Amino acid sequence: MATAEECRTALEKLAARLDANAATRGKLDLDRTLACRVPDLSTAFHARLEGGRLLDITDGDDPKAKIALTADSDDLIALVTGRLDVTKAIASRQVAIKANPFDLLKLRKLL
């Protein structure tokens, strides 16, 4: 089981990767709040997706977030590092994403 700090570091690396992708692909029209829940650690993080970038990663849950990702710590890290395919992870219920269907289509472009 990964630690909360390792999960935070993985999210920060994801933010850096999204930032680099947004710079090369242009802005993506997706401005939403995001909650990342890690049940095996009883912790959560929240942030903002803005223009294809992940900004302001903060400890704690955001129950009103427009997009919610739920994954155990090891699965979250594997997902962010590319060792776990997001489609397979959702199909096998290792990862759950709650979002508007149109937002899910836009999120696919980010990953």
N, C-alpha and C. Protein backbone atom coordinates (compact mmCIF):
# COMPACT_ATOMS: atom_id res chain seq x y z
N MET A 1 0.85 -1.18 0.00
CA MET A 1 0.00 0.00 0.00
C MET A 1 0.89 1.24 0.00
N ALA A 2 0.58 2.14 -0.90
CA ALA A 2 1.34 3.39 -0.99
C ALA A 2 0.90 4.34 0.12
N THR A 3 1.71 5.36 0.35
CA THR A 3 1.39 6.35 1.37
C THR A 3 0.64 7.52 0.75
N ALA A 4 0.05 8.34 1.61
CA ALA A 4 -0.64 9.53 1.13
C ALA A 4 0.34 10.47 0.42
N GLU A 5 1.56 10.54 0.92
CA GLU A 5 2.56 11.41 0.29
C GLU A 5 2.94 10.90 -1.11
N GLU A 6 3.01 9.59 -1.27
CA GLU A 6 3.30 9.03 -2.60
C GLU A 6 2.14 9.32 -3.57
N CYS A 7 0.91 9.27 -3.06
CA CYS A 7 -0.24 9.61 -3.89
C CYS A 7 -0.21 11.08 -4.30
N ARG A 8 0.13 11.95 -3.36
CA ARG A 8 0.24 13.37 -3.66
C ARG A 8 1.33 13.61 -4.72
N THR A 9 2.46 12.95 -4.56
CA THR A 9 3.55 13.09 -5.53
C THR A 9 3.11 12.62 -6.91
N ALA A 10 2.37 11.51 -6.96
CA ALA A 10 1.87 11.01 -8.25
C ALA A 10 0.93 12.03 -8.89
N LEU A 11 0.07 12.64 -8.10
CA LEU A 11 -0.85 13.65 -8.65
C LEU A 11 -0.08 14.88 -9.13
N GLU A 12 0.98 15.25 -8.44
CA GLU A 12 1.79 16.38 -8.87
C GLU A 12 2.51 16.06 -10.19
N LYS A 13 2.97 14.80 -10.33
CA LYS A 13 3.59 14.39 -11.60
C LYS A 13 2.56 14.40 -12.73
N LEU A 14 1.34 13.97 -12.42
CA LEU A 14 0.26 14.03 -13.41
C LEU A 14 0.00 15.47 -13.81
N ALA A 15 -0.01 16.37 -12.84
CA ALA A 15 -0.22 17.80 -13.13
C ALA A 15 0.86 18.32 -14.06
N ALA A 16 2.11 17.93 -13.82
CA ALA A 16 3.21 18.38 -14.68
C ALA A 16 3.06 17.83 -16.09
N ARG A 17 2.64 16.56 -16.20
CA ARG A 17 2.46 15.96 -17.52
C ARG A 17 1.31 16.62 -18.27
N LEU A 18 0.21 16.88 -17.57
CA LEU A 18 -0.93 17.56 -18.21
C LEU A 18 -0.55 18.96 -18.65
N ASP A 19 0.27 19.63 -17.84
CA ASP A 19 0.72 20.97 -18.19
C ASP A 19 1.54 20.94 -19.47
N ALA A 20 2.44 19.98 -19.59
CA ALA A 20 3.26 19.85 -20.80
C ALA A 20 2.38 19.49 -22.00
N ASN A 21 1.40 18.61 -21.81
CA ASN A 21 0.50 18.23 -22.90
C ASN A 21 -0.35 19.41 -23.35
N ALA A 22 -0.82 20.20 -22.40
CA ALA A 22 -1.65 21.37 -22.74
C ALA A 22 -0.85 22.38 -23.54
N ALA A 23 0.44 22.48 -23.23
CA ALA A 23 1.29 23.43 -23.96
C ALA A 23 1.48 23.01 -25.40
N THR A 24 1.54 21.68 -25.67
CA THR A 24 1.76 21.22 -27.03
C THR A 24 0.48 21.02 -27.82
N ARG A 25 -0.61 20.65 -27.14
CA ARG A 25 -1.87 20.38 -27.84
C ARG A 25 -2.83 21.55 -27.83
N GLY A 26 -2.54 22.55 -27.06
CA GLY A 26 -3.47 23.67 -26.95
C GLY A 26 -4.44 23.44 -25.81
N LYS A 27 -5.22 24.45 -25.53
CA LYS A 27 -6.16 24.39 -24.42
C LYS A 27 -7.31 23.45 -24.71
N LEU A 28 -7.75 22.78 -23.66
CA LEU A 28 -8.91 21.92 -23.72
C LEU A 28 -10.00 22.60 -22.91
N ASP A 29 -11.17 22.70 -23.47
CA ASP A 29 -12.27 23.37 -22.79
C ASP A 29 -12.85 22.45 -21.72
N LEU A 30 -12.17 22.38 -20.59
CA LEU A 30 -12.62 21.55 -19.47
C LEU A 30 -12.21 22.24 -18.18
N ASP A 31 -13.13 22.98 -17.60
CA ASP A 31 -12.88 23.67 -16.34
C ASP A 31 -13.83 23.09 -15.30
N ARG A 32 -13.30 22.22 -14.46
CA ARG A 32 -14.11 21.51 -13.48
C ARG A 32 -13.32 21.32 -12.18
N THR A 33 -14.08 21.11 -11.10
CA THR A 33 -13.45 20.72 -9.84
C THR A 33 -13.29 19.20 -9.86
N LEU A 34 -12.25 18.73 -9.21
CA LEU A 34 -11.91 17.31 -9.21
C LEU A 34 -11.64 16.85 -7.79
N ALA A 35 -12.21 15.72 -7.42
CA ALA A 35 -11.90 15.08 -6.14
C ALA A 35 -11.25 13.74 -6.45
N CYS A 36 -10.20 13.43 -5.73
CA CYS A 36 -9.51 12.15 -5.86
C CYS A 36 -9.57 11.49 -4.50
N ARG A 37 -10.34 10.42 -4.41
CA ARG A 37 -10.56 9.73 -3.13
C ARG A 37 -9.77 8.44 -3.09
N VAL A 38 -9.05 8.25 -1.98
CA VAL A 38 -8.19 7.08 -1.81
C VAL A 38 -8.68 6.33 -0.56
N PRO A 39 -9.65 5.41 -0.75
CA PRO A 39 -10.29 4.79 0.40
C PRO A 39 -9.38 3.92 1.28
N ASP A 40 -8.37 3.26 0.70
CA ASP A 40 -7.52 2.41 1.54
C ASP A 40 -6.65 3.22 2.49
N LEU A 41 -6.48 4.50 2.23
CA LEU A 41 -5.73 5.39 3.13
C LEU A 41 -6.67 6.32 3.91
N SER A 42 -7.95 6.22 3.65
CA SER A 42 -8.95 7.11 4.27
C SER A 42 -8.56 8.57 4.07
N THR A 43 -8.16 8.89 2.85
CA THR A 43 -7.75 10.25 2.54
C THR A 43 -8.30 10.66 1.17
N ALA A 44 -8.19 11.92 0.89
CA ALA A 44 -8.64 12.45 -0.40
C ALA A 44 -7.86 13.71 -0.73
N PHE A 45 -7.90 14.06 -2.00
CA PHE A 45 -7.29 15.28 -2.49
C PHE A 45 -8.32 15.95 -3.39
N HIS A 46 -8.19 17.24 -3.56
CA HIS A 46 -9.04 17.92 -4.54
C HIS A 46 -8.21 18.95 -5.27
N ALA A 47 -8.70 19.28 -6.47
CA ALA A 47 -7.96 20.20 -7.35
C ALA A 47 -8.95 20.77 -8.36
N ARG A 48 -8.40 21.57 -9.27
CA ARG A 48 -9.18 22.12 -10.37
C ARG A 48 -8.56 21.68 -11.68
N LEU A 49 -9.41 21.28 -12.60
CA LEU A 49 -8.99 21.06 -13.98
C LEU A 49 -9.37 22.32 -14.72
N GLU A 50 -8.38 22.96 -15.31
CA GLU A 50 -8.65 24.21 -16.02
C GLU A 50 -7.80 24.24 -17.28
N GLY A 51 -8.47 24.30 -18.42
CA GLY A 51 -7.76 24.37 -19.69
C GLY A 51 -6.85 23.17 -19.93
N GLY A 52 -7.24 22.00 -19.42
CA GLY A 52 -6.42 20.80 -19.59
C GLY A 52 -5.29 20.69 -18.59
N ARG A 53 -5.27 21.56 -17.61
CA ARG A 53 -4.23 21.53 -16.58
C ARG A 53 -4.84 21.18 -15.24
N LEU A 54 -4.08 20.50 -14.39
CA LEU A 54 -4.50 20.16 -13.04
C LEU A 54 -3.83 21.15 -12.09
N LEU A 55 -4.65 21.96 -11.42
CA LEU A 55 -4.13 23.05 -10.60
C LEU A 55 -4.58 22.95 -9.15
N ASP A 56 -3.80 23.52 -8.27
CA ASP A 56 -4.15 23.69 -6.86
C ASP A 56 -4.50 22.38 -6.16
N ILE A 57 -3.62 21.39 -6.23
CA ILE A 57 -3.85 20.11 -5.54
C ILE A 57 -3.77 20.36 -4.04
N THR A 58 -4.84 19.98 -3.34
CA THR A 58 -4.96 20.25 -1.92
C THR A 58 -5.45 19.01 -1.20
N ASP A 59 -5.05 18.84 0.05
CA ASP A 59 -5.56 17.73 0.86
C ASP A 59 -7.03 17.93 1.16
N GLY A 60 -7.74 16.84 1.29
CA GLY A 60 -9.15 16.88 1.67
C GLY A 60 -10.07 16.65 0.48
N ASP A 61 -11.27 16.22 0.82
CA ASP A 61 -12.28 15.91 -0.20
C ASP A 61 -13.05 17.17 -0.59
N ASP A 62 -13.64 17.13 -1.76
CA ASP A 62 -14.57 18.16 -2.20
C ASP A 62 -15.86 17.44 -2.60
N PRO A 63 -16.82 17.34 -1.67
CA PRO A 63 -18.04 16.60 -1.98
C PRO A 63 -18.85 17.19 -3.13
N LYS A 64 -18.60 18.43 -3.49
CA LYS A 64 -19.32 19.07 -4.60
C LYS A 64 -18.55 19.01 -5.92
N ALA A 65 -17.43 18.28 -5.95
CA ALA A 65 -16.61 18.21 -7.16
C ALA A 65 -17.42 17.66 -8.33
N LYS A 66 -17.21 18.24 -9.49
CA LYS A 66 -17.92 17.82 -10.70
C LYS A 66 -17.39 16.49 -11.24
N ILE A 67 -16.12 16.19 -10.93
CA ILE A 67 -15.49 14.93 -11.34
C ILE A 67 -14.90 14.29 -10.09
N ALA A 68 -15.22 13.01 -9.87
CA ALA A 68 -14.70 12.30 -8.71
C ALA A 68 -14.02 11.01 -9.15
N LEU A 69 -12.78 10.85 -8.77
CA LEU A 69 -12.00 9.65 -9.05
C LEU A 69 -11.79 8.93 -7.74
N THR A 70 -12.12 7.64 -7.70
CA THR A 70 -11.91 6.83 -6.50
C THR A 70 -11.03 5.65 -6.87
N ALA A 71 -9.91 5.50 -6.15
CA ALA A 71 -8.99 4.40 -6.41
C ALA A 71 -8.14 4.15 -5.17
N ASP A 72 -7.81 2.89 -4.93
CA ASP A 72 -6.87 2.59 -3.85
C ASP A 72 -5.51 3.16 -4.22
N SER A 73 -4.68 3.36 -3.22
CA SER A 73 -3.41 4.07 -3.40
C SER A 73 -2.52 3.44 -4.47
N ASP A 74 -2.34 2.12 -4.44
CA ASP A 74 -1.48 1.47 -5.44
C ASP A 74 -2.06 1.61 -6.84
N ASP A 75 -3.38 1.51 -6.96
CA ASP A 75 -4.01 1.66 -8.27
C ASP A 75 -3.89 3.09 -8.78
N LEU A 76 -4.01 4.06 -7.90
CA LEU A 76 -3.86 5.46 -8.30
C LEU A 76 -2.46 5.71 -8.85
N ILE A 77 -1.46 5.22 -8.16
CA ILE A 77 -0.08 5.41 -8.61
C ILE A 77 0.16 4.68 -9.94
N ALA A 78 -0.36 3.45 -10.05
CA ALA A 78 -0.20 2.69 -11.30
C ALA A 78 -0.91 3.40 -12.45
N LEU A 79 -2.05 3.98 -12.18
CA LEU A 79 -2.81 4.71 -13.20
C LEU A 79 -2.04 5.93 -13.67
N VAL A 80 -1.51 6.69 -12.74
CA VAL A 80 -0.80 7.93 -13.08
C VAL A 80 0.52 7.63 -13.80
N THR A 81 1.19 6.55 -13.41
CA THR A 81 2.48 6.24 -14.04
C THR A 81 2.33 5.48 -15.36
N GLY A 82 1.09 5.10 -15.69
CA GLY A 82 0.86 4.42 -16.96
C GLY A 82 0.96 2.91 -16.89
N ARG A 83 1.17 2.36 -15.71
CA ARG A 83 1.23 0.90 -15.58
C ARG A 83 -0.15 0.27 -15.56
N LEU A 84 -1.19 1.09 -15.38
CA LEU A 84 -2.57 0.62 -15.34
C LEU A 84 -3.37 1.41 -16.37
N ASP A 85 -3.98 0.70 -17.30
CA ASP A 85 -4.80 1.33 -18.34
C ASP A 85 -6.11 1.79 -17.73
N VAL A 86 -6.48 3.04 -17.96
CA VAL A 86 -7.67 3.62 -17.34
C VAL A 86 -8.93 2.88 -17.76
N THR A 87 -9.05 2.48 -19.01
CA THR A 87 -10.24 1.79 -19.49
C THR A 87 -10.38 0.43 -18.81
N LYS A 88 -9.28 -0.31 -18.73
CA LYS A 88 -9.31 -1.62 -18.07
C LYS A 88 -9.57 -1.46 -16.57
N ALA A 89 -9.01 -0.42 -15.98
CA ALA A 89 -9.19 -0.19 -14.54
C ALA A 89 -10.64 0.12 -14.22
N ILE A 90 -11.29 0.88 -15.08
CA ILE A 90 -12.71 1.20 -14.86
C ILE A 90 -13.56 -0.05 -15.08
N ALA A 91 -13.26 -0.80 -16.14
CA ALA A 91 -14.02 -2.01 -16.45
C ALA A 91 -13.90 -3.05 -15.33
N SER A 92 -12.73 -3.15 -14.72
CA SER A 92 -12.52 -4.12 -13.64
C SER A 92 -12.88 -3.56 -12.27
N ARG A 93 -13.35 -2.32 -12.25
CA ARG A 93 -13.78 -1.63 -11.02
C ARG A 93 -12.65 -1.39 -10.03
N GLN A 94 -11.42 -1.33 -10.53
CA GLN A 94 -10.30 -0.92 -9.70
C GLN A 94 -10.35 0.58 -9.48
N VAL A 95 -10.90 1.27 -10.45
CA VAL A 95 -11.01 2.73 -10.42
C VAL A 95 -12.45 3.10 -10.76
N ALA A 96 -12.98 4.08 -10.06
CA ALA A 96 -14.31 4.59 -10.37
C ALA A 96 -14.20 6.07 -10.69
N ILE A 97 -14.87 6.49 -11.75
CA ILE A 97 -14.90 7.90 -12.11
C ILE A 97 -16.36 8.31 -12.24
N LYS A 98 -16.74 9.30 -11.47
CA LYS A 98 -18.09 9.86 -11.58
C LYS A 98 -17.97 11.23 -12.22
N ALA A 99 -18.62 11.35 -13.37
CA ALA A 99 -18.57 12.62 -14.10
C ALA A 99 -19.67 12.63 -15.14
N ASN A 100 -19.96 13.79 -15.63
CA ASN A 100 -20.87 13.98 -16.74
C ASN A 100 -20.29 13.22 -17.95
N PRO A 101 -21.10 12.53 -18.74
CA PRO A 101 -20.57 11.79 -19.90
C PRO A 101 -19.75 12.65 -20.86
N PHE A 102 -20.14 13.90 -21.05
CA PHE A 102 -19.37 14.78 -21.93
C PHE A 102 -18.00 15.10 -21.33
N ASP A 103 -17.95 15.23 -20.00
CA ASP A 103 -16.67 15.46 -19.33
C ASP A 103 -15.76 14.24 -19.45
N LEU A 104 -16.36 13.05 -19.40
CA LEU A 104 -15.57 11.83 -19.55
C LEU A 104 -14.90 11.78 -20.92
N LEU A 105 -15.62 12.20 -21.96
CA LEU A 105 -15.04 12.24 -23.29
C LEU A 105 -13.87 13.22 -23.36
N LYS A 106 -14.02 14.36 -22.71
CA LYS A 106 -12.93 15.33 -22.68
C LYS A 106 -11.75 14.83 -21.87
N LEU A 107 -12.05 14.14 -20.74
CA LEU A 107 -10.98 13.59 -19.91
C LEU A 107 -10.14 12.57 -20.68
N ARG A 108 -10.79 11.81 -21.54
CA ARG A 108 -10.06 10.84 -22.35
C ARG A 108 -8.95 11.49 -23.18
N LYS A 109 -9.21 12.70 -23.63
CA LYS A 109 -8.22 13.41 -24.41
C LYS A 109 -7.00 13.76 -23.56
N LEU A 110 -7.22 13.96 -22.26
CA LEU A 110 -6.11 14.31 -21.39
C LEU A 110 -5.22 13.11 -21.10
N LEU A 111 -5.81 11.94 -21.02
CA LEU A 111 -5.07 10.74 -20.66
C LEU A 111 -4.57 10.07 -21.90
